[in-house]
PDB file of N, CA and C in Angstrom:
ATOM      1  N   UNK A   1      42.523   3.398  13.873  1.00  0.00           N
ATOM      2  CA  UNK A   1      41.101   3.291  12.933  1.00  0.00           C
ATOM      3  C   UNK A   1      40.913   2.034  12.157  1.00  0.00           C
ATOM      4  N   UNK A   2      39.402   1.545  12.267  1.00  0.00           N
ATOM      5  CA  UNK A   2      39.363   0.157  11.555  1.00  0.00           C
ATOM      6  C   UNK A   2      38.967   0.035  10.615  1.00  0.00           C
ATOM      7  N   UNK A   3      39.951  -0.685   9.668  1.00  0.00           N
ATOM      8  CA  UNK A   3      39.647  -1.129   8.126  1.00  0.00           C
ATOM      9  C   UNK A   3      38.584  -1.720   7.791  1.00  0.00           C
ATOM     10  N   UNK A   4      37.849  -1.405   6.911  1.00  0.00           N
ATOM     11  CA  UNK A   4      36.417  -2.954   6.539  1.00  0.00           C
ATOM     12  C   UNK A   4      37.188  -3.518   5.352  1.00  0.00           C
ATOM     13  N   UNK A   5      36.734  -4.635   4.737  1.00  0.00           N
ATOM     14  CA  UNK A   5      36.910  -5.001   3.988  1.00  0.00           C
ATOM     15  C   UNK A   5      36.161  -4.854   2.812  1.00  0.00           C
ATOM     16  N   UNK A   6      36.625  -5.022   1.634  1.00  0.00           N
ATOM     17  CA  UNK A   6      35.830  -4.761   0.824  1.00  0.00           C
ATOM     18  C   UNK A   6      34.627  -5.648   0.530  1.00  0.00           C
ATOM     19  N   UNK A   7      33.608  -4.719   0.244  1.00  0.00           N
ATOM     20  CA  UNK A   7      32.054  -5.969   0.337  1.00  0.00           C
ATOM     21  C   UNK A   7      30.879  -5.035  -0.144  1.00  0.00           C
ATOM     22  N   UNK A   8      30.108  -6.340  -0.837  1.00  0.00           N
ATOM     23  CA  UNK A   8      29.068  -5.499  -2.024  1.00  0.00           C
ATOM     24  C   UNK A   8      27.530  -5.878  -1.698  1.00  0.00           C
ATOM     25  N   UNK A   9      26.763  -5.816  -1.540  1.00  0.00           N
ATOM     26  CA  UNK A   9      25.401  -6.662  -1.551  1.00  0.00           C
ATOM     27  C   UNK A   9      24.367  -6.066  -2.273  1.00  0.00           C
ATOM     28  N   UNK A  10      23.057  -6.358  -2.718  1.00  0.00           N
ATOM     29  CA  UNK A  10      22.315  -5.784  -2.809  1.00  0.00           C
ATOM     30  C   UNK A  10      21.113  -5.668  -1.934  1.00  0.00           C
ATOM     31  N   UNK A  11      20.786  -4.705  -1.471  1.00  0.00           N
ATOM     32  CA  UNK A  11      19.511  -4.597  -0.636  1.00  0.00           C
ATOM     33  C   UNK A  11      18.278  -4.323  -0.381  1.00  0.00           C
ATOM     34  N   UNK A  12      17.537  -4.687  -0.446  1.00  0.00           N
ATOM     35  CA  UNK A  12      15.985  -4.214  -0.787  1.00  0.00           C
ATOM     36  C   UNK A  12      15.472  -4.227   0.376  1.00  0.00           C
ATOM     37  N   UNK A  13      14.933  -2.663   0.758  1.00  0.00           N
ATOM     38  CA  UNK A  13      14.470  -2.497   1.722  1.00  0.00           C
ATOM     39  C   UNK A  13      12.821  -1.316   1.116  1.00  0.00           C
ATOM     40  N   UNK A  14      11.994  -1.015   2.675  1.00  0.00           N
ATOM     41  CA  UNK A  14      11.257  -0.198   2.350  1.00  0.00           C
ATOM     42  C   UNK A  14      11.172   1.112   3.353  1.00  0.00           C
ATOM     43  N   UNK A  15      10.993   2.574   1.875  1.00  0.00           N
ATOM     44  CA  UNK A  15      11.633   3.362   2.984  1.00  0.00           C
ATOM     45  C   UNK A  15      11.135   4.210   3.961  1.00  0.00           C
ATOM     46  N   UNK A  16      11.938   4.014   4.831  1.00  0.00           N
ATOM     47  CA  UNK A  16      11.145   4.979   6.001  1.00  0.00           C
ATOM     48  C   UNK A  16      11.631   5.835   6.247  1.00  0.00           C
ATOM     49  N   UNK A  17      11.912   7.088   5.876  1.00  0.00           N
ATOM     50  CA  UNK A  17      12.140   8.126   5.557  1.00  0.00           C
ATOM     51  C   UNK A  17      12.965   8.945   5.090  1.00  0.00           C
ATOM     52  N   UNK A  18      13.873   9.883   4.676  1.00  0.00           N
ATOM     53  CA  UNK A  18      14.676  10.427   3.649  1.00  0.00           C
ATOM     54  C   UNK A  18      15.364  11.712   3.965  1.00  0.00           C
ATOM     55  N   UNK A  19      16.744  12.262   3.898  1.00  0.00           N
ATOM     56  CA  UNK A  19      17.334  13.399   4.612  1.00  0.00           C
ATOM     57  C   UNK A  19      17.823  13.570   3.732  1.00  0.00           C
ATOM     58  N   UNK A  20      17.761  14.592   3.159  1.00  0.00           N
ATOM     59  CA  UNK A  20      18.762  15.301   2.519  1.00  0.00           C
ATOM     60  C   UNK A  20      19.902  15.978   3.072  1.00  0.00           C
ATOM     61  N   UNK A  21      20.972  15.831   2.776  1.00  0.00           N
ATOM     62  CA  UNK A  21      22.436  16.192   2.861  1.00  0.00           C
ATOM     63  C   UNK A  21      22.784  16.846   1.914  1.00  0.00           C
ATOM     64  N   UNK A  22      24.371  17.088   2.145  1.00  0.00           N
ATOM     65  CA  UNK A  22      24.711  18.181   1.298  1.00  0.00           C
ATOM     66  C   UNK A  22      25.179  18.120   0.158  1.00  0.00           C
ATOM     67  N   UNK A  23      25.395  16.851  -0.461  1.00  0.00           N
ATOM     68  CA  UNK A  23      25.954  16.122  -1.353  1.00  0.00           C
ATOM     69  C   UNK A  23      25.520  15.085  -1.544  1.00  0.00           C
ATOM     70  N   UNK A  24      24.386  14.387  -0.848  1.00  0.00           N
ATOM     71  CA  UNK A  24      23.536  12.856  -0.743  1.00  0.00           C
ATOM     72  C   UNK A  24      22.283  12.917  -0.479  1.00  0.00           C
ATOM     73  N   UNK A  25      21.788  12.113  -0.520  1.00  0.00           N
ATOM     74  CA  UNK A  25      20.417  11.886   0.476  1.00  0.00           C
ATOM     75  C   UNK A  25      20.762  10.772   0.950  1.00  0.00           C
ATOM     76  N   UNK A  26      20.261  10.761   2.486  1.00  0.00           N
ATOM     77  CA  UNK A  26      20.080   9.334   3.461  1.00  0.00           C
ATOM     78  C   UNK A  26      18.920   9.385   3.768  1.00  0.00           C
ATOM     79  N   UNK A  27      18.958   7.514   3.021  1.00  0.00           N
ATOM     80  CA  UNK A  27      17.575   6.633   3.719  1.00  0.00           C
ATOM     81  C   UNK A  27      17.441   5.958   4.321  1.00  0.00           C
ATOM     82  N   UNK A  28      16.589   6.233   5.762  1.00  0.00           N
ATOM     83  CA  UNK A  28      16.556   5.356   6.308  1.00  0.00           C
ATOM     84  C   UNK A  28      15.296   4.626   5.885  1.00  0.00           C
ATOM     85  N   UNK A  29      15.976   3.102   5.568  1.00  0.00           N
ATOM     86  CA  UNK A  29      15.675   1.876   5.209  1.00  0.00           C
ATOM     87  C   UNK A  29      15.171   0.541   6.482  1.00  0.00           C
ATOM     88  N   UNK A  30      14.029  -0.296   5.932  1.00  0.00           N
ATOM     89  CA  UNK A  30      13.503  -1.018   6.652  1.00  0.00           C
ATOM     90  C   UNK A  30      14.300  -2.003   6.167  1.00  0.00           C
ATOM     91  N   UNK A  31      15.586  -2.845   6.078  1.00  0.00           N
ATOM     92  CA  UNK A  31      15.984  -3.875   5.474  1.00  0.00           C
ATOM     93  C   UNK A  31      14.945  -5.403   5.366  1.00  0.00           C
ATOM     94  N   UNK A  32      14.525  -5.628   4.013  1.00  0.00           N
ATOM     95  CA  UNK A  32      13.920  -7.381   3.929  1.00  0.00           C
ATOM     96  C   UNK A  32      14.742  -7.764   3.578  1.00  0.00           C
ATOM     97  N   UNK A  33      15.835  -7.350   2.987  1.00  0.00           N
ATOM     98  CA  UNK A  33      16.553  -8.594   2.525  1.00  0.00           C
ATOM     99  C   UNK A  33      17.700  -8.175   2.086  1.00  0.00           C
ATOM    100  N   UNK A  34      18.974  -9.091   1.734  1.00  0.00           N
ATOM    101  CA  UNK A  34      20.265  -8.598   1.174  1.00  0.00           C
ATOM    102  C   UNK A  34      20.666  -9.974   0.108  1.00  0.00           C
ATOM    103  N   UNK A  35      21.543  -9.696  -0.492  1.00  0.00           N
ATOM    104  CA  UNK A  35      22.029 -10.719  -1.482  1.00  0.00           C
ATOM    105  C   UNK A  35      23.420 -10.195  -2.172  1.00  0.00           C
ATOM    106  N   UNK A  36      24.173 -10.892  -1.570  1.00  0.00           N
ATOM    107  CA  UNK A  36      25.309 -11.173  -1.873  1.00  0.00           C
ATOM    108  C   UNK A  36      26.154 -10.736  -3.223  1.00  0.00           C
ATOM    109  N   UNK A  37      26.702 -10.293  -3.924  1.00  0.00           N
ATOM    110  CA  UNK A  37      27.328  -9.901  -4.947  1.00  0.00           C
ATOM    111  C   UNK A  37      28.466 -10.983  -5.620  1.00  0.00           C
ATOM    112  N   UNK A  38      28.705 -11.501  -6.389  1.00  0.00           N
ATOM    113  CA  UNK A  38      29.985 -12.383  -6.391  1.00  0.00           C
ATOM    114  C   UNK A  38      30.957 -11.651  -6.545  1.00  0.00           C
ATOM    115  N   UNK A  39      32.382 -12.391  -5.729  1.00  0.00           N
ATOM    116  CA  UNK A  39      32.698 -11.821  -5.634  1.00  0.00           C
ATOM    117  C   UNK A  39      33.147 -10.809  -4.461  1.00  0.00           C
ATOM    118  N   UNK A  40      32.186 -10.863  -3.334  1.00  0.00           N
ATOM    119  CA  UNK A  40      32.473 -10.040  -2.300  1.00  0.00           C
ATOM    120  C   UNK A  40      31.606 -10.510  -1.154  1.00  0.00           C
ATOM    121  N   UNK A  41      32.415 -10.421  -0.106  1.00  0.00           N
ATOM    122  CA  UNK A  41      31.281 -10.779   1.578  1.00  0.00           C
ATOM    123  C   UNK A  41      30.024  -9.820   1.262  1.00  0.00           C
ATOM    124  N   UNK A  42      29.290 -10.493   1.979  1.00  0.00           N
ATOM    125  CA  UNK A  42      27.941  -9.540   2.319  1.00  0.00           C
ATOM    126  C   UNK A  42      27.657  -9.312   3.450  1.00  0.00           C
ATOM    127  N   UNK A  43      28.284  -7.781   4.167  1.00  0.00           N
ATOM    128  CA  UNK A  43      28.359  -7.830   5.552  1.00  0.00           C
ATOM    129  C   UNK A  43      27.147  -7.267   6.308  1.00  0.00           C
ATOM    130  N   UNK A  44      26.393  -6.766   4.847  1.00  0.00           N
ATOM    131  CA  UNK A  44      24.787  -5.970   5.193  1.00  0.00           C
ATOM    132  C   UNK A  44      23.422  -7.164   5.388  1.00  0.00           C
ATOM    133  N   UNK A  45      23.771  -8.242   5.346  1.00  0.00           N
ATOM    134  CA  UNK A  45      22.711  -9.261   6.104  1.00  0.00           C
ATOM    135  C   UNK A  45      22.362  -9.026   7.907  1.00  0.00           C
ATOM    136  N   UNK A  46      23.838  -9.260   8.017  1.00  0.00           N
ATOM    137  CA  UNK A  46      23.326  -8.463   9.807  1.00  0.00           C
ATOM    138  C   UNK A  46      22.161  -8.009  10.039  1.00  0.00           C
ATOM    139  N   UNK A  47      22.045  -7.014   9.324  1.00  0.00           N
ATOM    140  CA  UNK A  47      21.051  -5.653   9.436  1.00  0.00           C
ATOM    141  C   UNK A  47      19.257  -6.027   8.455  1.00  0.00           C
ATOM    142  N   UNK A  48      19.440  -7.608   8.420  1.00  0.00           N
ATOM    143  CA  UNK A  48      17.917  -7.931   7.765  1.00  0.00           C
ATOM    144  C   UNK A  48      17.092  -8.186   9.010  1.00  0.00           C
ATOM    145  N   UNK A  49      15.571  -6.954   9.115  1.00  0.00           N
ATOM    146  CA  UNK A  49      14.947  -6.981   9.541  1.00  0.00           C
ATOM    147  C   UNK A  49      15.083  -5.816  11.138  1.00  0.00           C
ATOM    148  N   UNK A  50      16.342  -4.684  10.435  1.00  0.00           N
ATOM    149  CA  UNK A  50      16.155  -3.849  11.171  1.00  0.00           C
ATOM    150  C   UNK A  50      16.424  -2.271  10.106  1.00  0.00           C
ATOM    151  N   UNK A  51      16.340  -1.502  10.734  1.00  0.00           N
ATOM    152  CA  UNK A  51      16.732  -0.160  10.295  1.00  0.00           C
ATOM    153  C   UNK A  51      18.175   0.296   9.812  1.00  0.00           C
ATOM    154  N   UNK A  52      17.936   0.644   8.796  1.00  0.00           N
ATOM    155  CA  UNK A  52      19.436   0.901   8.584  1.00  0.00           C
ATOM    156  C   UNK A  52      19.737   2.381   7.661  1.00  0.00           C
ATOM    157  N   UNK A  53      20.410   3.618   7.975  1.00  0.00           N
ATOM    158  CA  UNK A  53      20.445   4.797   7.132  1.00  0.00           C
ATOM    159  C   UNK A  53      21.652   4.373   6.005  1.00  0.00           C
ATOM    160  N   UNK A  54      21.185   4.882   4.626  1.00  0.00           N
ATOM    161  CA  UNK A  54      22.266   4.418   3.757  1.00  0.00           C
ATOM    162  C   UNK A  54      22.528   6.154   3.265  1.00  0.00           C
ATOM    163  N   UNK A  55      23.346   6.819   3.115  1.00  0.00           N
ATOM    164  CA  UNK A  55      23.745   7.568   2.257  1.00  0.00           C
ATOM    165  C   UNK A  55      24.121   7.101   0.133  1.00  0.00           C
ATOM    166  N   UNK A  56      22.780   7.960  -0.462  1.00  0.00           N
ATOM    167  CA  UNK A  56      23.584   7.984  -1.873  1.00  0.00           C
ATOM    168  C   UNK A  56      23.704   8.872  -2.262  1.00  0.00           C
ATOM    169  N   UNK A  57      24.605   9.186  -3.219  1.00  0.00           N
ATOM    170  CA  UNK A  57      24.993  10.273  -4.496  1.00  0.00           C
ATOM    171  C   UNK A  57      23.408  10.260  -5.428  1.00  0.00           C
ATOM    172  N   UNK A  58      22.762  10.704  -5.673  1.00  0.00           N
ATOM    173  CA  UNK A  58      22.100  11.659  -6.659  1.00  0.00           C
ATOM    174  C   UNK A  58      21.157  10.019  -6.780  1.00  0.00           C
ATOM    175  N   UNK A  59      20.187   9.626  -6.114  1.00  0.00           N
ATOM    176  CA  UNK A  59      19.646   8.897  -6.166  1.00  0.00           C
ATOM    177  C   UNK A  59      17.881   9.419  -7.529  1.00  0.00           C
ATOM    178  N   UNK A  60      17.442   8.129  -7.518  1.00  0.00           N
ATOM    179  CA  UNK A  60      16.201   8.870  -8.124  1.00  0.00           C
ATOM    180  C   UNK A  60      15.091   9.757  -7.416  1.00  0.00           C
ATOM    181  N   UNK A  61      14.027  10.140  -7.683  1.00  0.00           N
ATOM    182  CA  UNK A  61      13.469  10.914  -6.548  1.00  0.00           C
ATOM    183  C   UNK A  61      12.564   9.873  -6.512  1.00  0.00           C
ATOM    184  N   UNK A  62      12.400  10.047  -4.618  1.00  0.00           N
ATOM    185  CA  UNK A  62      12.125   8.748  -3.516  1.00  0.00           C
ATOM    186  C   UNK A  62      11.242   9.479  -2.931  1.00  0.00           C
ATOM    187  N   UNK A  63      10.777   8.741  -2.217  1.00  0.00           N
ATOM    188  CA  UNK A  63       9.562   8.792  -1.609  1.00  0.00           C
ATOM    189  C   UNK A  63       9.019   8.007   0.165  1.00  0.00           C
ATOM    190  N   UNK A  64       9.329   8.214   0.935  1.00  0.00           N
ATOM    191  CA  UNK A  64       8.673   7.005   1.559  1.00  0.00           C
ATOM    192  C   UNK A  64       7.564   6.092   1.269  1.00  0.00           C
ATOM    193  N   UNK A  65       8.048   4.746   1.730  1.00  0.00           N
ATOM    194  CA  UNK A  65       6.767   4.160   1.892  1.00  0.00           C
ATOM    195  C   UNK A  65       7.103   3.172   0.478  1.00  0.00           C
ATOM    196  N   UNK A  66       8.036   3.515  -0.331  1.00  0.00           N
ATOM    197  CA  UNK A  66       8.352   2.574  -1.448  1.00  0.00           C
ATOM    198  C   UNK A  66       9.300   1.807  -0.929  1.00  0.00           C
ATOM    199  N   UNK A  67       9.012   0.707  -1.597  1.00  0.00           N
ATOM    200  CA  UNK A  67      10.190  -0.683  -1.506  1.00  0.00           C
ATOM    201  C   UNK A  67      11.664   0.177  -2.941  1.00  0.00           C
ATOM    202  N   UNK A  68      12.660  -0.286  -2.666  1.00  0.00           N
ATOM    203  CA  UNK A  68      13.967   0.292  -3.042  1.00  0.00           C
ATOM    204  C   UNK A  68      14.853  -1.085  -3.012  1.00  0.00           C
ATOM    205  N   UNK A  69      15.681  -1.493  -4.010  1.00  0.00           N
ATOM    206  CA  UNK A  69      17.275  -2.424  -4.325  1.00  0.00           C
ATOM    207  C   UNK A  69      17.823  -1.786  -5.111  1.00  0.00           C
ATOM    208  N   UNK A  70      19.072  -1.953  -3.782  1.00  0.00           N
ATOM    209  CA  UNK A  70      20.376  -0.893  -4.350  1.00  0.00           C
ATOM    210  C   UNK A  70      21.553  -1.651  -3.964  1.00  0.00           C
ATOM    211  N   UNK A  71      22.471  -1.197  -4.762  1.00  0.00           N
ATOM    212  CA  UNK A  71      23.899  -2.133  -4.631  1.00  0.00           C
ATOM    213  C   UNK A  71      24.136  -1.056  -3.758  1.00  0.00           C
ATOM    214  N   UNK A  72      24.897  -1.645  -2.305  1.00  0.00           N
ATOM    215  CA  UNK A  72      25.019  -1.153  -1.162  1.00  0.00           C
ATOM    216  C   UNK A  72      26.772  -1.963  -0.460  1.00  0.00           C
ATOM    217  N   UNK A  73      27.046  -1.118   0.605  1.00  0.00           N
ATOM    218  CA  UNK A  73      28.498  -1.756   0.981  1.00  0.00           C
ATOM    219  C   UNK A  73      28.558  -1.064   2.242  1.00  0.00           C
ATOM    220  N   UNK A  74      28.663  -2.037   3.430  1.00  0.00           N
ATOM    221  CA  UNK A  74      29.104  -1.159   4.702  1.00  0.00           C
ATOM    222  C   UNK A  74      30.825  -0.691   4.572  1.00  0.00           C
ATOM    223  N   UNK A  75      30.755   0.494   5.316  1.00  0.00           N
ATOM    224  CA  UNK A  75      31.880   1.442   4.870  1.00  0.00           C
ATOM    225  C   UNK A  75      32.539   1.930   6.386  1.00  0.00           C
ATOM    226  N   UNK A  76      31.687   1.390   6.862  1.00  0.00           N
ATOM    227  CA  UNK A  76      32.438   1.444   8.792  1.00  0.00           C
ATOM    228  C   UNK A  76      31.599   0.774   9.707  1.00  0.00           C
ATOM    229  N   UNK A  77      31.804   1.154  10.880  1.00  0.00           N
ATOM    230  CA  UNK A  77      30.832   0.786  11.921  1.00  0.00           C
ATOM    231  C   UNK A  77      29.765   1.580  12.056  1.00  0.00           C
ATOM    232  N   UNK A  78      28.276   1.067  11.056  1.00  0.00           N
ATOM    233  CA  UNK A  78      27.269   2.081  11.395  1.00  0.00           C
ATOM    234  C   UNK A  78      26.820   2.747   9.813  1.00  0.00           C
ATOM    235  N   UNK A  79      27.922   2.425   9.208  1.00  0.00           N
ATOM    236  CA  UNK A  79      27.739   3.534   7.832  1.00  0.00           C
ATOM    237  C   UNK A  79      27.783   2.303   6.545  1.00  0.00           C
ATOM    238  N   UNK A  80      26.801   3.277   6.204  1.00  0.00           N
ATOM    239  CA  UNK A  80      26.306   2.157   4.856  1.00  0.00           C
ATOM    240  C   UNK A  80      26.334   3.224   3.834  1.00  0.00           C
ATOM    241  N   UNK A  81      27.181   3.161   2.606  1.00  0.00           N
ATOM    242  CA  UNK A  81      26.865   4.011   1.472  1.00  0.00           C
ATOM    243  C   UNK A  81      26.274   2.904   0.575  1.00  0.00           C
ATOM    244  N   UNK A  82      25.120   3.754  -0.860  1.00  0.00           N
ATOM    245  CA  UNK A  82      25.100   3.050  -2.033  1.00  0.00           C
ATOM    246  C   UNK A  82      25.415   3.316  -2.968  1.00  0.00           C
ATOM    247  N   UNK A  83      25.668   3.107  -3.900  1.00  0.00           N
ATOM    248  CA  UNK A  83      26.489   2.891  -5.042  1.00  0.00           C
ATOM    249  C   UNK A  83      25.490   3.932  -5.993  1.00  0.00           C
ATOM    250  N   UNK A  84      26.229   5.441  -6.667  1.00  0.00           N
ATOM    251  CA  UNK A  84      25.390   5.842  -7.414  1.00  0.00           C
ATOM    252  C   UNK A  84      24.558   5.722  -8.639  1.00  0.00           C
ATOM    253  N   UNK A  85      23.354   5.424  -9.035  1.00  0.00           N
ATOM    254  CA  UNK A  85      22.676   4.951 -10.116  1.00  0.00           C
ATOM    255  C   UNK A  85      22.711   3.793  -9.545  1.00  0.00           C
ATOM    256  N   UNK A  86      22.102   3.121  -8.718  1.00  0.00           N
ATOM    257  CA  UNK A  86      22.229   1.654  -8.461  1.00  0.00           C
ATOM    258  C   UNK A  86      20.620   0.877  -7.808  1.00  0.00           C
ATOM    259  N   UNK A  87      19.893   2.607  -7.413  1.00  0.00           N
ATOM    260  CA  UNK A  87      18.892   2.181  -6.729  1.00  0.00           C
ATOM    261  C   UNK A  87      17.444   2.575  -7.573  1.00  0.00           C
ATOM    262  N   UNK A  88      17.091   1.437  -7.016  1.00  0.00           N
ATOM    263  CA  UNK A  88      15.932   1.279  -8.349  1.00  0.00           C
ATOM    264  C   UNK A  88      14.598   0.734  -7.775  1.00  0.00           C
ATOM    265  N   UNK A  89      13.007   1.579  -7.776  1.00  0.00           N
ATOM    266  CA  UNK A  89      11.869   1.438  -6.923  1.00  0.00           C
ATOM    267  C   UNK A  89      11.255   0.019  -7.780  1.00  0.00           C
ATOM    268  N   UNK A  90      11.121  -0.667  -6.821  1.00  0.00           N
ATOM    269  CA  UNK A  90      10.472  -1.506  -6.782  1.00  0.00           C
ATOM    270  C   UNK A  90       8.741  -1.789  -6.720  1.00  0.00           C
ATOM    271  N   UNK A  91       8.126  -2.419  -7.876  1.00  0.00           N
ATOM    272  CA  UNK A  91       6.913  -2.427  -8.015  1.00  0.00           C
ATOM    273  C   UNK A  91       5.964  -3.290  -7.612  1.00  0.00           C
ATOM    274  N   UNK A  92       5.562  -2.681  -6.755  1.00  0.00           N
ATOM    275  CA  UNK A  92       4.060  -3.857  -6.136  1.00  0.00           C
ATOM    276  C   UNK A  92       3.899  -3.583  -4.540  1.00  0.00           C
TER     277      UNK A  92
END
């Protein structure tokens, strides 16, 4: 099994779709930008301009078309997790 190095970044993107999972929500997001968090590598920068699925526990009420910013990490090949409580809805 491949182990991923501890990594975190702020990811900004537009919600393309939402999928309710058993204990979390899966957001399909068009990644607009990422910003490294001090002390951690930004392994999500490679997804800028692409869609990714991000799993988040207990996000706020969201809808497609919204732009969000959240703290996220690459947890494995193609598996992105968002930090619970970090999802911010962007205005405008």
